[in-house]
Amino acid sequence: MSRDAALAELQALLGPRLSRSAGDLADHGRNETWFAPMPPDAVAFPETTAEVSALVAICARHGLPVIGWGTGTSLEGHAIALHGGVSADFSRMNRVIEVRPGDLQAVVQPGLTREGLNTELRATGLMFPIDPGANASLGGMAATRASGTTAVRYGTMRDNVMALEVVLADGRVIRTGSGARKSASGYDLTGLFVGSEGTLGLITELTLKLHGQPEAITAAVCAFDTFEAAVDTVMATIQMGIPMARIEFVDETTAAIFNAQNGTRLPEKPHLMVEFHGSATSAAEDAQRFGEVVADMGGAHFDWATTVEDRNRLWKMRHGAYPACIASRPGCMGLVTDICVPMSQLAKAVAETRADIAASGLPGPILGHVGDGNFHAILLVERGNDDELKTAKALARRMAERALGLGGTMTGEHGVGMGKKDLMAMEHGEAWEVMARIKRALDPDGILNPGKLVEVAQ
């Protein structure tokens, strides 16, 4: 590998848009959780697909790693430079290329954020509903197969990406999928790249499904004496066919943290946060039926968010749960778990996880998107405390083993990155080697985001 020669060629290609400043390198070596900083050798700011193609071709000739960078909000070390190389920052490729209202589609560049897209869509009556909490880039959301609070109604990125433009490891540009709602033509390459975490190609354009903005939205928060009652309420609501747009669970520890960080007065009990979308009549009817389920399950302290401002405060609080939990233990870092199980196993998974956390001695608030069986424990580890980090890693592994034993997965939405790679063989067996063969076929020199997702010799 000729690192200096590669960087010289990239400087000639991009000029001042190839940065080696200490600040840019540090920004692109950081992450949101417990991984040590790993800065790249340089940060590239391409503006076109042609530049991305040329950038990757140069790196391929010299064997220099390339790591895609959206907004840096991933939680498993996906975008840090484990082996150095070039961080390809897509923040300048952030345009809406086309909105097709008649097809309920938008064509966008990868650096555009989900909030940026919805701002552009406000006058159209359409929206892009996938909401992972952070204002993530759409390219990053596709690469990690993101989901979030609205997945129970609108699905995940897997369900809402129709087509892609991708730069492969040798610089070739391919297109996958189409604007058609279905196809029986060949392998599903779009599905292959969605969730590939930048290890198979760099996404430079996306065609996304859009949805109509709901006429009416109702939201509420309610408390339960036990988490079992809250989970039973979720299951009963789903079984009754009440169409929720969001249904979120937070435990009593998280409720107490919300109060401390936001000045709220939630009872320090398990809570559900819910939202319904539809016409004024249907949203009201759905909310009423849900209220009846809550009453039957012993829920109380039902607080409706009746205005847009109230709803925004409610979901801002929920989306701010991670930094609020980190702030609740000064000097800590978070190890975030992310298991997903069949709905029938949710109560068992949460109960056993709570018992594990209590036995560990670590703070570990639990919250999650329980409408699809996905929940998180945020394990709060003192920085520099190797014993606590070891305990947290062992606890996270037990959670993963439990999820697999219950017919689920070790990650419902955060992905694999570096943090969960050692669990892949446990979940996938020989299929993990098949993934590695696909990686070697598309990236034989292993330059695309090396050290993530799959095990390939460097």
Protein backbone atom coordinates (compact mmCIF):
# COMPACT_ATOMS: atom_id res chain seq x y z
CA MET A 1 0.00 0.00 0.00
CA SER A 2 1.32 3.41 -1.00
CA ARG A 3 -0.56 5.72 1.35
CA ASP A 4 1.34 8.88 0.45
CA ALA A 5 0.95 8.30 -3.29
CA ALA A 6 -2.78 7.70 -2.89
CA LEU A 7 -3.25 10.85 -0.82
CA ALA A 8 -1.28 12.87 -3.38
CA GLU A 9 -3.60 11.66 -6.18
CA LEU A 10 -6.67 12.40 -4.06
CA GLN A 11 -5.34 15.90 -3.34
CA ALA A 12 -4.99 16.47 -7.08
CA LEU A 13 -8.57 15.24 -7.60
CA LEU A 14 -10.27 17.16 -4.80
CA GLY A 15 -7.94 20.03 -3.95
CA PRO A 16 -8.96 21.67 -0.67
CA ARG A 17 -11.81 19.16 -0.34
CA LEU A 18 -9.28 16.58 0.84
CA SER A 19 -8.55 17.54 4.42
CA ARG A 20 -5.80 16.38 6.73
CA SER A 21 -6.48 18.94 9.43
CA ALA A 22 -6.35 17.70 13.00
CA GLY A 23 -9.92 18.86 13.62
CA ASP A 24 -11.41 17.02 10.64
CA LEU A 25 -9.47 13.85 11.41
CA ALA A 26 -10.63 13.92 15.03
CA ASP A 27 -14.26 14.56 14.04
CA HIS A 28 -14.21 11.54 11.72
CA GLY A 29 -12.49 9.28 14.24
CA ARG A 30 -15.07 9.73 16.97
CA ASN A 31 -18.16 7.69 17.71
CA GLU A 32 -21.27 7.90 19.86
CA THR A 33 -20.50 5.09 22.29
CA TRP A 34 -17.58 3.30 23.97
CA PHE A 35 -15.09 2.74 21.14
CA ALA A 36 -11.72 4.49 21.32
CA PRO A 37 -11.14 7.29 18.76
CA MET A 38 -9.77 5.99 15.45
CA PRO A 39 -9.08 8.88 13.05
CA PRO A 40 -8.57 8.34 9.32
CA ASP A 41 -5.52 9.53 7.39
CA ALA A 42 -7.62 12.04 5.46
CA VAL A 43 -11.20 13.21 4.99
CA ALA A 44 -12.61 13.60 1.48
CA PHE A 45 -15.64 15.77 0.69
CA PRO A 46 -16.88 14.61 -2.75
CA GLU A 47 -19.66 16.49 -4.51
CA THR A 48 -20.60 14.12 -7.36
CA THR A 49 -20.86 10.42 -8.09
CA ALA A 50 -18.03 10.83 -10.59
CA GLU A 51 -15.78 12.13 -7.83
CA VAL A 52 -16.71 9.23 -5.55
CA SER A 53 -15.95 6.82 -8.37
CA ALA A 54 -12.55 8.42 -9.02
CA LEU A 55 -11.79 8.54 -5.30
CA VAL A 56 -12.52 4.84 -4.83
CA ALA A 57 -10.56 3.89 -7.95
CA ILE A 58 -7.48 5.73 -6.64
CA CYS A 59 -7.79 4.06 -3.25
CA ALA A 60 -8.25 0.66 -4.90
CA ARG A 61 -5.04 1.04 -6.92
CA HIS A 62 -3.08 1.82 -3.77
CA GLY A 63 -4.90 -0.48 -1.33
CA LEU A 64 -6.05 2.41 0.85
CA PRO A 65 -9.22 1.85 2.93
CA VAL A 66 -12.35 3.95 2.23
CA ILE A 67 -14.98 4.48 4.95
CA GLY A 68 -18.29 6.18 4.20
CA TRP A 69 -19.38 8.94 6.59
CA GLY A 70 -22.89 10.37 6.91
CA THR A 71 -23.48 12.25 10.15
CA GLY A 72 -21.55 9.97 12.50
CA THR A 73 -24.55 8.95 14.61
CA SER A 74 -24.16 5.16 14.35
CA LEU A 75 -23.71 3.26 17.60
CA GLU A 76 -21.50 0.27 16.76
CA GLY A 77 -18.36 1.96 15.45
CA HIS A 78 -19.52 1.61 11.83
CA ALA A 79 -17.81 4.72 10.46
CA ILE A 80 -14.52 4.94 12.35
CA ALA A 81 -11.25 4.14 10.58
CA LEU A 82 -10.12 0.90 12.18
CA HIS A 83 -7.25 0.55 9.68
CA GLY A 84 -6.79 4.20 8.75
CA GLY A 85 -7.54 5.33 5.20
CA VAL A 86 -9.92 7.92 3.80
CA SER A 87 -13.22 8.93 5.33
CA ALA A 88 -15.59 9.80 2.47
CA ASP A 89 -17.84 12.49 3.98
CA PHE A 90 -21.08 12.86 1.99
CA SER A 91 -22.24 16.09 3.63
CA ARG A 92 -21.83 18.02 0.34
CA MET A 93 -23.95 15.49 -1.57
CA ASN A 94 -27.15 16.57 0.16
CA ARG A 95 -29.67 17.51 -2.53
CA VAL A 96 -33.18 16.36 -3.31
CA ILE A 97 -32.73 15.39 -6.95
CA GLU A 98 -36.40 14.81 -7.77
CA VAL A 99 -39.76 14.42 -6.05
CA ARG A 100 -42.34 12.30 -7.89
CA PRO A 101 -45.63 12.98 -6.11
CA GLY A 102 -47.66 10.75 -8.41
CA ASP A 103 -45.40 7.79 -7.62
CA LEU A 104 -44.94 8.65 -3.92
CA GLN A 105 -41.17 8.69 -4.46
CA ALA A 106 -38.16 10.94 -3.97
CA VAL A 107 -34.68 10.64 -5.46
CA VAL A 108 -32.03 12.01 -3.10
CA GLN A 109 -28.30 12.20 -2.52
CA PRO A 110 -26.88 10.24 0.44
CA GLY A 111 -25.78 13.20 2.57
CA LEU A 112 -29.31 14.61 2.85
CA THR A 113 -30.73 14.07 6.34
CA ARG A 114 -34.19 12.73 7.05
CA GLU A 115 -35.23 16.07 8.57
CA GLY A 116 -33.85 17.89 5.52
CA LEU A 117 -35.93 15.71 3.21
CA ASN A 118 -39.10 16.27 5.22
CA THR A 119 -38.50 20.02 5.18
CA GLU A 120 -38.36 19.85 1.38
CA LEU A 121 -41.56 17.79 1.31
CA ARG A 122 -43.70 20.01 3.54
CA ALA A 123 -45.60 21.66 0.69
CA THR A 124 -46.27 18.38 -1.12
CA GLY A 125 -48.45 16.67 1.48
CA LEU A 126 -45.93 13.82 1.59
CA MET A 127 -43.39 12.68 4.16
CA PHE A 128 -40.57 10.22 4.72
CA PRO A 129 -41.51 8.52 8.00
CA ILE A 130 -38.45 6.50 9.07
CA ASP A 131 -37.30 8.08 12.31
CA PRO A 132 -34.26 6.59 14.09
CA GLY A 133 -34.17 9.52 16.51
CA ALA A 134 -30.96 11.17 15.38
CA ASN A 135 -31.09 13.45 12.34
CA ALA A 136 -29.12 10.85 10.40
CA SER A 137 -28.14 10.98 6.74
CA LEU A 138 -30.33 8.96 4.41
CA GLY A 139 -27.32 7.20 2.92
CA GLY A 140 -26.17 6.17 6.37
CA MET A 141 -29.67 5.06 7.28
CA ALA A 142 -29.76 2.82 4.20
CA ALA A 143 -26.27 1.47 4.84
CA THR A 144 -27.21 0.44 8.39
CA ARG A 145 -30.79 -0.62 7.57
CA ALA A 146 -32.09 1.85 10.15
CA SER A 147 -35.60 1.86 11.60
CA GLY A 148 -36.79 3.59 14.77
CA THR A 149 -39.95 4.71 16.47
CA THR A 150 -42.30 4.55 13.47
CA ALA A 151 -41.27 1.13 12.16
CA VAL A 152 -44.33 -0.53 13.69
CA ARG A 153 -46.45 1.23 11.05
CA TYR A 154 -44.16 2.26 8.20
CA GLY A 155 -41.47 -0.40 8.26
CA THR A 156 -37.70 0.07 8.19
CA MET A 157 -35.27 1.35 5.55
CA ARG A 158 -35.41 -2.12 4.02
CA ASP A 159 -39.07 -1.49 3.18
CA ASN A 160 -38.65 2.07 1.95
CA VAL A 161 -35.62 2.03 -0.37
CA MET A 162 -36.65 1.23 -3.93
CA ALA A 163 -33.45 1.82 -5.89
CA LEU A 164 -29.82 2.79 -5.39
CA GLU A 165 -26.82 4.12 -7.22
CA VAL A 166 -23.67 2.52 -5.77
CA VAL A 167 -19.93 2.91 -6.36
CA LEU A 168 -18.21 -0.47 -6.12
CA ALA A 169 -14.74 -1.19 -4.74
CA ASP A 170 -13.06 -0.80 -8.13
CA GLY A 171 -14.78 2.51 -8.89
CA ARG A 172 -17.53 1.13 -11.14
CA VAL A 173 -20.97 2.72 -10.76
CA ILE A 174 -24.04 0.50 -10.78
CA ARG A 175 -27.78 1.04 -10.35
CA THR A 176 -30.01 -1.37 -8.49
CA GLY A 177 -33.80 -1.55 -8.39
CA SER A 178 -36.20 0.80 -10.14
CA GLY A 179 -39.19 3.05 -9.61
CA ALA A 180 -41.56 0.11 -10.08
CA ARG A 181 -43.32 -1.14 -6.97
CA LYS A 182 -42.27 -4.73 -7.66
CA SER A 183 -39.91 -6.72 -9.84
CA ALA A 184 -39.03 -10.36 -10.50
CA SER A 185 -35.88 -9.44 -12.42
CA GLY A 186 -32.67 -10.98 -11.08
CA TYR A 187 -31.10 -10.83 -7.64
CA ASP A 188 -32.32 -8.20 -5.19
CA LEU A 189 -29.13 -6.10 -5.21
CA THR A 190 -30.90 -3.19 -3.56
CA GLY A 191 -31.63 -5.41 -0.58
CA LEU A 192 -28.01 -6.56 -0.59
CA PHE A 193 -26.60 -3.05 -0.26
CA VAL A 194 -29.21 -1.87 2.26
CA GLY A 195 -27.67 -2.96 5.54
CA SER A 196 -24.21 -3.72 4.12
CA GLU A 197 -22.69 -0.96 6.28
CA GLY A 198 -20.43 0.38 3.53
CA THR A 199 -18.55 -2.90 3.18
CA LEU A 200 -19.75 -3.66 -0.36
CA GLY A 201 -20.08 -0.22 -1.97
CA LEU A 202 -20.69 3.48 -1.35
CA ILE A 203 -24.26 4.65 -1.90
CA THR A 204 -24.39 7.84 -3.99
CA GLU A 205 -28.13 8.07 -4.76
CA LEU A 206 -31.35 6.67 -3.30
CA THR A 207 -34.91 6.34 -4.56
CA LEU A 208 -37.18 6.34 -1.51
CA LYS A 209 -40.85 5.56 -0.89
CA LEU A 210 -42.88 8.46 0.45
CA HIS A 211 -46.11 8.41 2.44
CA GLY A 212 -48.98 10.85 2.77
CA GLN A 213 -48.85 13.23 5.71
CA PRO A 214 -51.62 12.13 8.11
CA GLU A 215 -54.64 14.39 8.42
CA ALA A 216 -54.64 13.97 12.20
CA ILE A 217 -52.15 12.81 14.82
CA THR A 218 -52.86 11.92 18.43
CA ALA A 219 -50.22 11.02 21.00
CA ALA A 220 -50.15 10.11 24.68
CA VAL A 221 -48.03 8.79 27.51
CA CYS A 222 -49.34 6.47 30.23
CA ALA A 223 -47.88 4.73 33.28
CA PHE A 224 -48.16 1.15 34.57
CA ASP A 225 -47.39 -0.38 37.93
CA THR A 226 -45.35 -3.16 36.31
CA PHE A 227 -43.46 -3.60 33.07
CA GLU A 228 -45.40 -6.85 32.50
CA ALA A 229 -48.65 -4.85 32.34
CA ALA A 230 -47.09 -2.42 29.86
CA VAL A 231 -45.84 -5.23 27.61
CA ASP A 232 -49.19 -7.04 27.83
CA THR A 233 -50.87 -3.80 26.74
CA VAL A 234 -48.65 -3.65 23.67
CA MET A 235 -49.42 -7.23 22.73
CA ALA A 236 -53.17 -6.77 23.27
CA THR A 237 -53.17 -3.61 21.15
CA ILE A 238 -51.41 -5.37 18.29
CA GLN A 239 -53.67 -8.42 18.51
CA MET A 240 -56.73 -6.16 18.33
CA GLY A 241 -55.41 -4.65 15.11
CA ILE A 242 -55.26 -1.08 16.42
CA PRO A 243 -52.95 0.67 13.89
CA MET A 244 -50.27 2.43 15.91
CA ALA A 245 -47.77 4.79 14.31
CA ARG A 246 -45.48 4.53 17.34
CA ILE A 247 -45.55 2.61 20.60
CA GLU A 248 -42.50 3.01 22.83
CA PHE A 249 -41.60 1.55 26.22
CA VAL A 250 -39.47 3.18 28.91
CA ASP A 251 -38.81 1.64 32.31
CA GLU A 252 -39.02 3.36 35.68
CA THR A 253 -35.31 4.24 35.63
CA THR A 254 -35.69 6.01 32.30
CA ALA A 255 -38.80 7.85 33.54
CA ALA A 256 -36.80 9.14 36.52
CA ILE A 257 -34.00 10.26 34.19
CA PHE A 258 -36.54 12.08 32.00
CA ASN A 259 -37.79 13.95 35.06
CA ALA A 260 -34.30 14.93 36.14
CA GLN A 261 -33.15 16.00 32.69
CA ASN A 262 -36.35 17.55 31.30
CA GLY A 263 -38.16 18.87 34.35
CA THR A 264 -41.15 16.59 33.76
CA ARG A 265 -43.22 14.94 36.49
CA LEU A 266 -43.73 11.44 35.18
CA PRO A 267 -44.51 8.83 37.83
CA GLU A 268 -41.35 6.76 38.31
CA LYS A 269 -42.96 3.71 36.77
CA PRO A 270 -42.81 1.92 33.41
CA HIS A 271 -44.47 3.97 30.66
CA LEU A 272 -45.77 3.58 27.14
CA MET A 273 -45.59 6.43 24.65
CA VAL A 274 -47.97 6.09 21.72
CA GLU A 275 -49.01 7.91 18.57
CA PHE A 276 -51.82 7.33 16.05
CA HIS A 277 -52.03 8.65 12.48
CA GLY A 278 -55.10 8.88 10.28
CA SER A 279 -58.16 10.98 9.62
CA ALA A 280 -59.54 13.04 12.48
CA THR A 281 -62.19 10.37 13.04
CA SER A 282 -59.97 7.28 12.74
CA ALA A 283 -57.15 8.69 14.89
CA ALA A 284 -59.64 9.58 17.63
CA GLU A 285 -61.28 6.14 17.44
CA ASP A 286 -57.91 4.37 17.58
CA ALA A 287 -56.87 6.45 20.59
CA GLN A 288 -60.14 5.66 22.35
CA ARG A 289 -59.76 1.91 21.76
CA PHE A 290 -56.19 2.05 23.02
CA GLY A 291 -57.36 3.90 26.12
CA GLU A 292 -59.79 1.08 26.81
CA VAL A 293 -56.98 -1.48 26.58
CA VAL A 294 -54.85 0.59 28.96
CA ALA A 295 -57.71 0.78 31.47
CA ASP A 296 -58.23 -2.99 31.29
CA MET A 297 -54.50 -3.52 31.95
CA GLY A 298 -54.44 -1.20 34.96
CA GLY A 299 -52.65 1.70 33.31
CA ALA A 300 -52.99 5.18 34.75
CA HIS A 301 -51.73 8.77 34.53
CA PHE A 302 -52.90 8.97 30.92
CA ASP A 303 -51.60 12.26 29.50
CA TRP A 304 -52.66 13.22 25.98
CA ALA A 305 -50.38 15.42 23.88
CA THR A 306 -53.13 17.49 22.31
CA THR A 307 -51.07 20.08 20.41
CA VAL A 308 -48.20 19.89 17.94
CA GLU A 309 -45.96 21.49 20.55
CA ASP A 310 -46.92 18.87 23.14
CA ARG A 311 -46.22 16.03 20.70
CA ASN A 312 -42.90 17.51 19.71
CA ARG A 313 -41.88 17.78 23.36
CA LEU A 314 -42.92 14.18 23.99
CA TRP A 315 -40.88 12.75 21.11
CA LYS A 316 -37.96 15.11 21.67
CA MET A 317 -37.76 13.69 25.18
CA ARG A 318 -37.90 10.11 23.87
CA HIS A 319 -35.32 10.77 21.16
CA GLY A 320 -33.10 12.45 23.73
CA ALA A 321 -33.13 9.38 25.97
CA TYR A 322 -29.58 8.31 25.12
CA PRO A 323 -27.83 11.61 25.95
CA ALA A 324 -30.10 11.98 28.98
CA CYS A 325 -29.05 8.56 30.25
CA ILE A 326 -25.37 9.40 29.67
CA ALA A 327 -25.82 12.69 31.56
CA SER A 328 -27.41 10.83 34.48
CA ARG A 329 -24.03 9.30 35.35
CA PRO A 330 -21.31 11.95 34.89
CA GLY A 331 -18.10 10.59 33.42
CA CYS A 332 -19.72 7.53 31.88
CA MET A 333 -19.97 6.15 28.36
CA GLY A 334 -22.73 4.01 26.94
CA LEU A 335 -22.69 0.43 25.76
CA VAL A 336 -26.02 0.19 23.95
CA THR A 337 -27.69 -3.17 23.50
CA ASP A 338 -30.25 -3.72 20.76
CA ILE A 339 -32.02 -7.06 20.73
CA CYS A 340 -35.23 -7.91 18.93
CA VAL A 341 -37.44 -10.94 19.65
CA PRO A 342 -40.80 -12.28 18.48
CA MET A 343 -43.63 -10.43 20.21
CA SER A 344 -44.69 -13.54 22.12
CA GLN A 345 -41.25 -13.63 23.76
CA LEU A 346 -40.94 -9.92 24.57
CA ALA A 347 -42.07 -10.05 28.21
CA LYS A 348 -39.69 -12.93 28.95
CA ALA A 349 -36.77 -11.18 27.27
CA VAL A 350 -37.36 -7.92 29.15
CA ALA A 351 -37.84 -9.67 32.51
CA GLU A 352 -34.66 -11.71 32.23
CA THR A 353 -32.70 -8.70 30.99
CA ARG A 354 -33.89 -6.63 33.95
CA ALA A 355 -32.77 -9.37 36.32
CA ASP A 356 -29.36 -9.56 34.63
CA ILE A 357 -28.87 -5.82 34.90
CA ALA A 358 -29.87 -5.77 38.55
CA ALA A 359 -27.36 -8.55 39.29
CA SER A 360 -24.57 -6.79 37.38
CA GLY A 361 -24.52 -3.68 39.56
CA LEU A 362 -24.38 -1.43 36.51
CA PRO A 363 -26.98 1.24 35.76
CA GLY A 364 -28.93 0.03 32.74
CA PRO A 365 -32.10 1.90 31.76
CA ILE A 366 -34.33 -0.05 29.37
CA LEU A 367 -36.39 1.45 26.57
CA GLY A 368 -37.36 0.54 23.06
CA HIS A 369 -39.69 0.11 20.12
CA VAL A 370 -41.72 -2.64 21.71
CA GLY A 371 -44.33 -2.61 18.97
CA ASP A 372 -41.95 -4.72 16.90
CA GLY A 373 -40.23 -6.58 19.72
CA ASN A 374 -37.11 -4.37 19.76
CA PHE A 375 -35.68 -2.91 22.96
CA HIS A 376 -32.46 -1.43 24.27
CA ALA A 377 -30.58 -1.48 27.55
CA ILE A 378 -28.18 1.45 27.86
CA LEU A 379 -25.38 0.13 30.06
CA LEU A 380 -23.67 3.10 31.72
CA VAL A 381 -19.97 2.36 32.17
CA GLU A 382 -17.48 4.58 33.97
CA ARG A 383 -14.83 5.78 31.52
CA GLY A 384 -11.52 4.06 32.14
CA ASN A 385 -13.07 1.37 34.33
CA ASP A 386 -12.02 -1.84 32.60
CA ASP A 387 -13.89 -4.04 35.07
CA GLU A 388 -17.19 -2.26 34.39
CA LEU A 389 -16.62 -2.45 30.62
CA LYS A 390 -15.90 -6.18 30.91
CA THR A 391 -19.10 -6.65 32.94
CA ALA A 392 -21.12 -4.66 30.40
CA LYS A 393 -19.76 -6.66 27.46
CA ALA A 394 -20.59 -9.93 29.20
CA LEU A 395 -24.09 -8.68 29.96
CA ALA A 396 -24.60 -7.61 26.33
CA ARG A 397 -23.46 -11.03 25.17
CA ARG A 398 -25.96 -12.76 27.47
CA MET A 399 -28.69 -10.54 26.04
CA ALA A 400 -27.69 -11.53 22.51
CA GLU A 401 -27.64 -15.23 23.42
CA ARG A 402 -31.05 -14.86 25.04
CA ALA A 403 -32.50 -13.15 21.96
CA LEU A 404 -31.21 -15.91 19.68
CA GLY A 405 -32.55 -18.57 22.03
CA LEU A 406 -35.98 -16.94 21.84
CA GLY A 407 -35.95 -16.93 18.04
CA GLY A 408 -34.81 -13.32 17.63
CA THR A 409 -31.72 -11.35 16.63
CA MET A 410 -28.86 -9.64 18.44
CA THR A 411 -29.57 -6.34 16.64
CA GLY A 412 -32.93 -5.00 15.60
CA GLU A 413 -31.72 -1.72 14.14
CA HIS A 414 -28.26 -0.53 15.21
CA GLY A 415 -26.40 -2.98 13.01
CA VAL A 416 -23.13 -4.85 13.49
CA GLY A 417 -20.18 -2.57 12.79
CA MET A 418 -17.28 -3.46 15.06
CA GLY A 419 -19.26 -3.86 18.24
CA LYS A 420 -21.30 -6.94 17.37
CA LYS A 421 -19.06 -8.61 14.82
CA ASP A 422 -17.94 -11.27 17.31
CA LEU A 423 -21.59 -12.35 17.66
CA MET A 424 -22.23 -12.90 13.96
CA ALA A 425 -21.13 -16.55 13.87
CA MET A 426 -23.45 -17.28 16.80
CA GLU A 427 -26.45 -15.85 14.94
CA HIS A 428 -25.70 -16.87 11.36
CA GLY A 429 -23.47 -19.92 11.47
CA GLU A 430 -22.26 -20.90 7.98
CA ALA A 431 -24.29 -18.05 6.49
CA TRP A 432 -21.73 -15.62 7.91
CA GLU A 433 -19.08 -17.25 5.71
CA VAL A 434 -21.43 -16.79 2.74
CA MET A 435 -21.53 -13.08 3.60
CA ALA A 436 -17.73 -13.06 3.68
CA ARG A 437 -17.63 -14.67 0.22
CA ILE A 438 -19.92 -11.95 -1.12
CA LYS A 439 -17.59 -9.38 0.43
CA ARG A 440 -14.54 -10.97 -1.20
CA ALA A 441 -16.30 -11.16 -4.56
CA LEU A 442 -17.25 -7.46 -4.59
CA ASP A 443 -14.24 -6.13 -2.67
CA PRO A 444 -11.37 -8.60 -3.15
CA ASP A 445 -8.75 -6.27 -1.67
CA GLY A 446 -10.90 -5.44 1.36
CA ILE A 447 -10.68 -1.65 1.05
CA LEU A 448 -14.32 -0.81 1.83
CA ASN A 449 -14.86 -0.21 5.57
CA PRO A 450 -12.50 -3.03 6.61
CA GLY A 451 -12.97 -4.67 10.01
CA LYS A 452 -16.75 -4.25 10.09
CA LEU A 453 -19.66 -6.70 9.75
CA VAL A 454 -17.78 -9.65 8.22
CA GLU A 455 -14.51 -11.46 8.96
CA VAL A 456 -12.18 -11.13 5.98
CA ALA A 457 -8.39 -11.48 6.23
CA GLN A 458 -6.64 -8.17 5.62
